[in-house]
N, C-alpha and C. Protein backbone atom coordinates (compact mmCIF):
# COMPACT_ATOMS: atom_id res chain seq x y z
N MET A 1 0.82 -1.20 0.00
CA MET A 1 0.00 0.00 0.00
C MET A 1 0.86 1.26 0.00
N GLU A 2 1.96 1.24 0.75
CA GLU A 2 2.84 2.40 0.79
C GLU A 2 3.41 2.72 -0.59
N CYS A 3 3.73 1.70 -1.35
CA CYS A 3 4.28 1.90 -2.69
C CYS A 3 3.28 2.64 -3.58
N LYS A 4 2.03 2.24 -3.52
CA LYS A 4 0.99 2.90 -4.32
C LYS A 4 0.80 4.34 -3.87
N LYS A 5 0.86 4.57 -2.57
CA LYS A 5 0.70 5.91 -2.02
C LYS A 5 1.83 6.82 -2.52
N GLY A 6 3.06 6.31 -2.46
CA GLY A 6 4.21 7.08 -2.93
C GLY A 6 4.15 7.34 -4.42
N ALA A 7 3.78 6.32 -5.17
CA ALA A 7 3.69 6.47 -6.63
C ALA A 7 2.64 7.50 -7.00
N ALA A 8 1.53 7.48 -6.32
CA ALA A 8 0.47 8.46 -6.60
C ALA A 8 0.94 9.87 -6.26
N ALA A 9 1.64 10.02 -5.16
CA ALA A 9 2.15 11.34 -4.77
C ALA A 9 3.17 11.85 -5.77
N VAL A 10 4.04 10.96 -6.26
CA VAL A 10 5.03 11.34 -7.26
C VAL A 10 4.34 11.75 -8.56
N LEU A 11 3.38 10.99 -8.99
CA LEU A 11 2.65 11.35 -10.22
C LEU A 11 1.94 12.68 -10.08
N GLN A 12 1.34 12.92 -8.94
CA GLN A 12 0.66 14.20 -8.72
C GLN A 12 1.67 15.35 -8.74
N TRP A 13 2.80 15.16 -8.08
CA TRP A 13 3.84 16.19 -8.07
C TRP A 13 4.32 16.48 -9.49
N ARG A 14 4.58 15.41 -10.25
CA ARG A 14 5.05 15.58 -11.63
C ARG A 14 4.03 16.32 -12.48
N SER A 15 2.76 15.98 -12.33
CA SER A 15 1.74 16.64 -13.14
C SER A 15 1.58 18.11 -12.74
N ARG A 16 1.87 18.42 -11.50
CA ARG A 16 1.74 19.80 -11.03
C ARG A 16 2.93 20.66 -11.46
N TYR A 17 4.13 20.11 -11.36
CA TYR A 17 5.32 20.93 -11.58
C TYR A 17 6.03 20.70 -12.90
N LEU A 18 5.83 19.57 -13.55
CA LEU A 18 6.61 19.28 -14.74
C LEU A 18 5.76 19.09 -15.99
N THR A 19 4.67 19.80 -16.09
CA THR A 19 3.81 19.66 -17.26
C THR A 19 4.53 20.04 -18.55
N ASP A 20 5.42 21.03 -18.48
CA ASP A 20 6.18 21.46 -19.66
C ASP A 20 7.63 21.01 -19.61
N ASP A 21 8.01 20.29 -18.57
CA ASP A 21 9.40 19.88 -18.34
C ASP A 21 10.33 21.07 -18.21
N LEU A 22 9.79 22.22 -17.82
CA LEU A 22 10.56 23.43 -17.60
C LEU A 22 10.14 24.07 -16.29
N LEU A 23 11.10 24.56 -15.54
CA LEU A 23 10.80 25.28 -14.31
C LEU A 23 11.63 26.56 -14.25
N ASP A 24 10.99 27.70 -13.98
CA ASP A 24 11.77 28.89 -13.69
C ASP A 24 12.17 28.81 -12.21
N GLU A 25 12.93 29.77 -11.74
CA GLU A 25 13.47 29.67 -10.38
C GLU A 25 12.37 29.66 -9.32
N ALA A 26 11.33 30.46 -9.48
CA ALA A 26 10.25 30.49 -8.49
C ALA A 26 9.51 29.15 -8.44
N ALA A 27 9.21 28.60 -9.60
CA ALA A 27 8.53 27.32 -9.66
C ALA A 27 9.43 26.20 -9.13
N TYR A 28 10.72 26.30 -9.40
CA TYR A 28 11.70 25.34 -8.89
C TYR A 28 11.69 25.33 -7.37
N ASP A 29 11.76 26.51 -6.77
CA ASP A 29 11.73 26.61 -5.30
C ASP A 29 10.46 25.99 -4.73
N GLN A 30 9.34 26.28 -5.36
CA GLN A 30 8.07 25.74 -4.91
C GLN A 30 8.03 24.21 -5.06
N ALA A 31 8.56 23.71 -6.16
CA ALA A 31 8.59 22.27 -6.39
C ALA A 31 9.44 21.57 -5.33
N LEU A 32 10.58 22.17 -5.00
CA LEU A 32 11.44 21.57 -3.97
C LEU A 32 10.78 21.59 -2.61
N ARG A 33 10.13 22.69 -2.27
CA ARG A 33 9.43 22.75 -0.98
C ARG A 33 8.32 21.71 -0.92
N SER A 34 7.61 21.54 -2.01
CA SER A 34 6.55 20.55 -2.07
C SER A 34 7.10 19.13 -1.93
N ALA A 35 8.19 18.84 -2.61
CA ALA A 35 8.82 17.52 -2.52
C ALA A 35 9.28 17.25 -1.10
N GLU A 36 9.86 18.26 -0.47
CA GLU A 36 10.32 18.11 0.92
C GLU A 36 9.14 17.84 1.85
N ALA A 37 8.04 18.53 1.64
CA ALA A 37 6.86 18.32 2.47
C ALA A 37 6.30 16.90 2.29
N LEU A 38 6.32 16.41 1.06
CA LEU A 38 5.86 15.04 0.82
C LEU A 38 6.74 14.03 1.54
N GLU A 39 8.05 14.26 1.51
CA GLU A 39 8.97 13.34 2.19
C GLU A 39 8.82 13.42 3.70
N GLN A 40 8.71 14.62 4.22
CA GLN A 40 8.56 14.80 5.67
C GLN A 40 7.26 14.20 6.20
N SER A 41 6.20 14.25 5.39
CA SER A 41 4.91 13.71 5.82
C SER A 41 4.84 12.20 5.67
N GLY A 42 5.85 11.61 5.02
CA GLY A 42 5.85 10.17 4.82
C GLY A 42 5.10 9.73 3.58
N SER A 43 4.66 10.67 2.77
CA SER A 43 3.94 10.34 1.54
C SER A 43 4.85 9.70 0.50
N ILE A 44 6.12 10.09 0.52
CA ILE A 44 7.11 9.49 -0.39
C ILE A 44 8.34 9.10 0.42
N SER A 45 9.12 8.21 -0.15
CA SER A 45 10.35 7.76 0.50
C SER A 45 11.49 8.73 0.19
N ALA A 46 12.60 8.54 0.87
CA ALA A 46 13.78 9.37 0.62
C ALA A 46 14.28 9.19 -0.81
N SER A 47 14.22 7.98 -1.32
CA SER A 47 14.68 7.76 -2.69
C SER A 47 13.73 8.42 -3.70
N GLU A 48 12.44 8.42 -3.41
CA GLU A 48 11.49 9.12 -4.29
C GLU A 48 11.73 10.62 -4.22
N TRP A 49 12.06 11.14 -3.05
CA TRP A 49 12.37 12.56 -2.89
C TRP A 49 13.59 12.93 -3.74
N ILE A 50 14.62 12.09 -3.70
CA ILE A 50 15.82 12.33 -4.50
C ILE A 50 15.47 12.38 -5.98
N GLU A 51 14.63 11.48 -6.42
CA GLU A 51 14.22 11.46 -7.83
C GLU A 51 13.49 12.75 -8.21
N LEU A 52 12.62 13.25 -7.33
CA LEU A 52 11.90 14.50 -7.60
C LEU A 52 12.88 15.67 -7.68
N VAL A 53 13.85 15.69 -6.80
CA VAL A 53 14.85 16.77 -6.82
C VAL A 53 15.65 16.72 -8.13
N LYS A 54 16.02 15.53 -8.57
CA LYS A 54 16.74 15.39 -9.84
C LYS A 54 15.89 15.89 -11.00
N LEU A 55 14.61 15.55 -11.00
CA LEU A 55 13.72 16.00 -12.06
C LEU A 55 13.58 17.53 -12.05
N ALA A 56 13.45 18.11 -10.86
CA ALA A 56 13.33 19.56 -10.75
C ALA A 56 14.62 20.23 -11.22
N ASN A 57 15.77 19.67 -10.84
CA ASN A 57 17.05 20.24 -11.29
C ASN A 57 17.15 20.23 -12.81
N ALA A 58 16.79 19.12 -13.43
CA ALA A 58 16.85 19.02 -14.88
C ALA A 58 15.90 20.02 -15.54
N ALA A 59 14.71 20.19 -14.98
CA ALA A 59 13.73 21.12 -15.55
C ALA A 59 14.21 22.56 -15.41
N LEU A 60 14.89 22.88 -14.33
CA LEU A 60 15.43 24.23 -14.14
C LEU A 60 16.55 24.49 -15.16
N LEU A 61 17.39 23.51 -15.37
CA LEU A 61 18.50 23.68 -16.31
C LEU A 61 18.01 23.87 -17.75
N ARG A 62 16.86 23.30 -18.08
CA ARG A 62 16.32 23.46 -19.44
C ARG A 62 15.90 24.89 -19.71
N VAL A 63 15.55 25.63 -18.66
CA VAL A 63 15.11 27.02 -18.82
C VAL A 63 16.31 27.91 -19.13
N ARG A 64 17.43 27.60 -18.56
CA ARG A 64 18.63 28.47 -18.69
C ARG A 64 19.23 28.36 -20.00
């Protein structure tokens, strides 16, 4: 059950922040805060949090 919960949270995060695969700095900051909140609440694992951070980093670099 935890796996499904984490997967759903990751999908929701991705649909919210990575619809265009691009993040400006403000959206990047918000995405990271959201990912941290998901990890702190136990909605996602530490490894899922790392994956979200990597995705956010890549999306920020695409803007530059």
